């Protein structure tokens, strides 16, 4: 796989870079950089990669919360969910908006 941050030729092609700063080569959402701004292009690419990773993390967190809520609703034990998720029971209750008062002792008891 080509490393866009460390292979300037590939990065140039990937973002529509033009050494003559020809804006016509760059897609509308991708800034075009002059040869003197190679580092700025690398920063832009790294920032875009980080933004994409942040979006994926946010999606994964929403999926985890949805799954935890569904599992609690279906009667899964809180301790089992804590072990499976790597969260504490208190963290699960906090992220799902659940109340320990609603959970039966069987759901919180460790076997």
C-alpha atoms as a PDB file:
ATOM      1  CA  UNK A   1       0.000   0.000   0.000  1.00  0.00           C
ATOM      2  CA  UNK A   2       1.314   3.444  -0.848  1.00  0.00           C
ATOM      3  CA  UNK A   3       2.142   5.680   2.084  1.00  0.00           C
ATOM      4  CA  UNK A   4       0.715   9.058   1.100  1.00  0.00           C
ATOM      5  CA  UNK A   5       2.491  10.905   3.888  1.00  0.00           C
ATOM      6  CA  UNK A   6       5.960   9.613   3.034  1.00  0.00           C
ATOM      7  CA  UNK A   7       5.799   9.165  -0.727  1.00  0.00           C
ATOM      8  CA  UNK A   8       5.502  12.679  -2.183  1.00  0.00           C
ATOM      9  CA  UNK A   9       4.932  11.403  -5.718  1.00  0.00           C
ATOM     10  CA  UNK A  10       1.978   9.283  -4.615  1.00  0.00           C
ATOM     11  CA  UNK A  11       0.631  12.041  -2.412  1.00  0.00           C
ATOM     12  CA  UNK A  12       0.875  14.473  -5.314  1.00  0.00           C
ATOM     13  CA  UNK A  13      -1.218  12.197  -7.481  1.00  0.00           C
ATOM     14  CA  UNK A  14      -3.697  11.325  -4.706  1.00  0.00           C
ATOM     15  CA  UNK A  15      -4.633  14.895  -3.875  1.00  0.00           C
ATOM     16  CA  UNK A  16      -4.408  16.359  -7.354  1.00  0.00           C
ATOM     17  CA  UNK A  17      -1.204  18.213  -6.493  1.00  0.00           C
ATOM     18  CA  UNK A  18       0.357  20.281  -9.208  1.00  0.00           C
ATOM     19  CA  UNK A  19       3.836  21.732  -9.050  1.00  0.00           C
ATOM     20  CA  UNK A  20       2.543  24.701 -11.027  1.00  0.00           C
ATOM     21  CA  UNK A  21      -0.287  25.219  -8.501  1.00  0.00           C
ATOM     22  CA  UNK A  22      -2.892  24.519 -11.150  1.00  0.00           C
ATOM     23  CA  UNK A  23      -6.151  24.526  -9.180  1.00  0.00           C
ATOM     24  CA  UNK A  24      -7.951  22.704 -12.014  1.00  0.00           C
ATOM     25  CA  UNK A  25      -6.271  19.420 -11.070  1.00  0.00           C
ATOM     26  CA  UNK A  26      -7.517  19.353  -7.472  1.00  0.00           C
ATOM     27  CA  UNK A  27     -10.993  18.131  -6.546  1.00  0.00           C
ATOM     28  CA  UNK A  28     -13.111  20.860  -4.972  1.00  0.00           C
ATOM     29  CA  UNK A  29     -12.677  19.501  -1.418  1.00  0.00           C
ATOM     30  CA  UNK A  30      -8.915  18.997  -1.677  1.00  0.00           C
ATOM     31  CA  UNK A  31      -6.654  22.025  -1.499  1.00  0.00           C
ATOM     32  CA  UNK A  32      -3.920  22.324  -4.081  1.00  0.00           C
ATOM     33  CA  UNK A  33      -0.447  23.169  -2.797  1.00  0.00           C
ATOM     34  CA  UNK A  34       2.560  24.750  -4.460  1.00  0.00           C
ATOM     35  CA  UNK A  35       5.878  22.896  -4.395  1.00  0.00           C
ATOM     36  CA  UNK A  36       7.003  25.161  -1.551  1.00  0.00           C
ATOM     37  CA  UNK A  37       4.039  23.981   0.547  1.00  0.00           C
ATOM     38  CA  UNK A  38       4.857  20.256   0.607  1.00  0.00           C
ATOM     39  CA  UNK A  39       4.841  20.248   4.417  1.00  0.00           C
ATOM     40  CA  UNK A  40       1.452  21.981   4.482  1.00  0.00           C
ATOM     41  CA  UNK A  41       0.100  19.243   2.207  1.00  0.00           C
ATOM     42  CA  UNK A  42       1.480  16.583   4.567  1.00  0.00           C
ATOM     43  CA  UNK A  43      -0.172  18.340   7.503  1.00  0.00           C
ATOM     44  CA  UNK A  44      -3.470  18.512   5.593  1.00  0.00           C
ATOM     45  CA  UNK A  45      -3.295  14.789   4.784  1.00  0.00           C
ATOM     46  CA  UNK A  46      -2.471  13.865   8.384  1.00  0.00           C
ATOM     47  CA  UNK A  47      -5.307  16.039   9.691  1.00  0.00           C
ATOM     48  CA  UNK A  48      -7.727  14.438   7.222  1.00  0.00           C
ATOM     49  CA  UNK A  49      -6.617  10.955   8.322  1.00  0.00           C
ATOM     50  CA  UNK A  50      -7.099  11.908  11.967  1.00  0.00           C
ATOM     51  CA  UNK A  51     -10.562  13.293  11.257  1.00  0.00           C
ATOM     52  CA  UNK A  52     -11.481  10.026   9.547  1.00  0.00           C
ATOM     53  CA  UNK A  53     -10.199   8.014  12.511  1.00  0.00           C
ATOM     54  CA  UNK A  54     -12.183  10.228  14.900  1.00  0.00           C
ATOM     55  CA  UNK A  55     -15.340   9.608  12.850  1.00  0.00           C
ATOM     56  CA  UNK A  56     -14.763   5.836  12.924  1.00  0.00           C
ATOM     57  CA  UNK A  57     -14.156   5.934  16.701  1.00  0.00           C
ATOM     58  CA  UNK A  58     -17.379   7.888  17.223  1.00  0.00           C
ATOM     59  CA  UNK A  59     -19.308   5.340  15.138  1.00  0.00           C
ATOM     60  CA  UNK A  60     -17.802   2.452  17.114  1.00  0.00           C
ATOM     61  CA  UNK A  61     -18.711   4.120  20.410  1.00  0.00           C
ATOM     62  CA  UNK A  62     -22.320   4.617  19.264  1.00  0.00           C
ATOM     63  CA  UNK A  63     -22.489   0.978  18.192  1.00  0.00           C
ATOM     64  CA  UNK A  64     -21.129  -0.168  21.563  1.00  0.00           C
ATOM     65  CA  UNK A  65     -23.663   1.936  23.477  1.00  0.00           C
ATOM     66  CA  UNK A  66     -26.511   0.637  21.283  1.00  0.00           C
ATOM     67  CA  UNK A  67     -25.391  -2.963  21.855  1.00  0.00           C
ATOM     68  CA  UNK A  68     -25.033  -2.424  25.600  1.00  0.00           C
ATOM     69  CA  UNK A  69     -28.509  -0.899  25.801  1.00  0.00           C
ATOM     70  CA  UNK A  70     -30.006  -3.778  23.841  1.00  0.00           C
ATOM     71  CA  UNK A  71     -28.224  -6.341  26.001  1.00  0.00           C
ATOM     72  CA  UNK A  72     -29.371  -4.685  29.238  1.00  0.00           C
ATOM     73  CA  UNK A  73     -32.925  -4.497  27.943  1.00  0.00           C
ATOM     74  CA  UNK A  74     -32.885  -8.191  27.050  1.00  0.00           C
ATOM     75  CA  UNK A  75     -31.753  -9.135  30.554  1.00  0.00           C
ATOM     76  CA  UNK A  76     -28.009  -9.641  30.181  1.00  0.00           C
ATOM     77  CA  UNK A  77     -26.045  -9.465  33.415  1.00  0.00           C
ATOM     78  CA  UNK A  78     -24.266  -6.174  33.978  1.00  0.00           C
ATOM     79  CA  UNK A  79     -21.095  -7.922  35.152  1.00  0.00           C
ATOM     80  CA  UNK A  80     -20.999 -10.062  31.987  1.00  0.00           C
ATOM     81  CA  UNK A  81     -21.335  -6.935  29.864  1.00  0.00           C
ATOM     82  CA  UNK A  82     -18.610  -5.213  31.858  1.00  0.00           C
ATOM     83  CA  UNK A  83     -16.221  -8.094  31.265  1.00  0.00           C
ATOM     84  CA  UNK A  84     -17.080  -8.249  27.555  1.00  0.00           C
ATOM     85  CA  UNK A  85     -16.762  -4.509  26.976  1.00  0.00           C
ATOM     86  CA  UNK A  86     -13.790  -3.709  29.180  1.00  0.00           C
ATOM     87  CA  UNK A  87     -15.883  -1.116  31.008  1.00  0.00           C
ATOM     88  CA  UNK A  88     -16.866  -1.057  34.655  1.00  0.00           C
ATOM     89  CA  UNK A  89     -20.511  -1.595  35.553  1.00  0.00           C
ATOM     90  CA  UNK A  90     -20.716   2.068  36.590  1.00  0.00           C
ATOM     91  CA  UNK A  91     -19.336   3.185  33.208  1.00  0.00           C
ATOM     92  CA  UNK A  92     -21.892   1.016  31.409  1.00  0.00           C
ATOM     93  CA  UNK A  93     -24.721   2.519  33.428  1.00  0.00           C
ATOM     94  CA  UNK A  94     -23.380   6.015  32.712  1.00  0.00           C
ATOM     95  CA  UNK A  95     -22.957   5.614  28.937  1.00  0.00           C
ATOM     96  CA  UNK A  96     -26.287   3.854  28.478  1.00  0.00           C
ATOM     97  CA  UNK A  97     -28.232   6.184  30.737  1.00  0.00           C
ATOM     98  CA  UNK A  98     -29.429   3.143  32.693  1.00  0.00           C
ATOM     99  CA  UNK A  99     -30.160   3.120  36.379  1.00  0.00           C
ATOM    100  CA  UNK A 100     -28.883   0.508  38.798  1.00  0.00           C
ATOM    101  CA  UNK A 101     -32.297   0.736  40.453  1.00  0.00           C
ATOM    102  CA  UNK A 102     -33.823  -0.816  37.330  1.00  0.00           C
ATOM    103  CA  UNK A 103     -31.466  -3.773  37.345  1.00  0.00           C
ATOM    104  CA  UNK A 104     -32.245  -6.868  39.347  1.00  0.00           C
ATOM    105  CA  UNK A 105     -29.651  -8.251  41.779  1.00  0.00           C
ATOM    106  CA  UNK A 106     -29.203 -11.219  39.407  1.00  0.00           C
ATOM    107  CA  UNK A 107     -27.973  -8.865  36.684  1.00  0.00           C
ATOM    108  CA  UNK A 108     -25.293  -7.272  38.854  1.00  0.00           C
ATOM    109  CA  UNK A 109     -24.268 -10.341  40.878  1.00  0.00           C
ATOM    110  CA  UNK A 110     -21.005 -12.016  39.973  1.00  0.00           C
ATOM    111  CA  UNK A 111     -21.207 -15.782  39.517  1.00  0.00           C
END
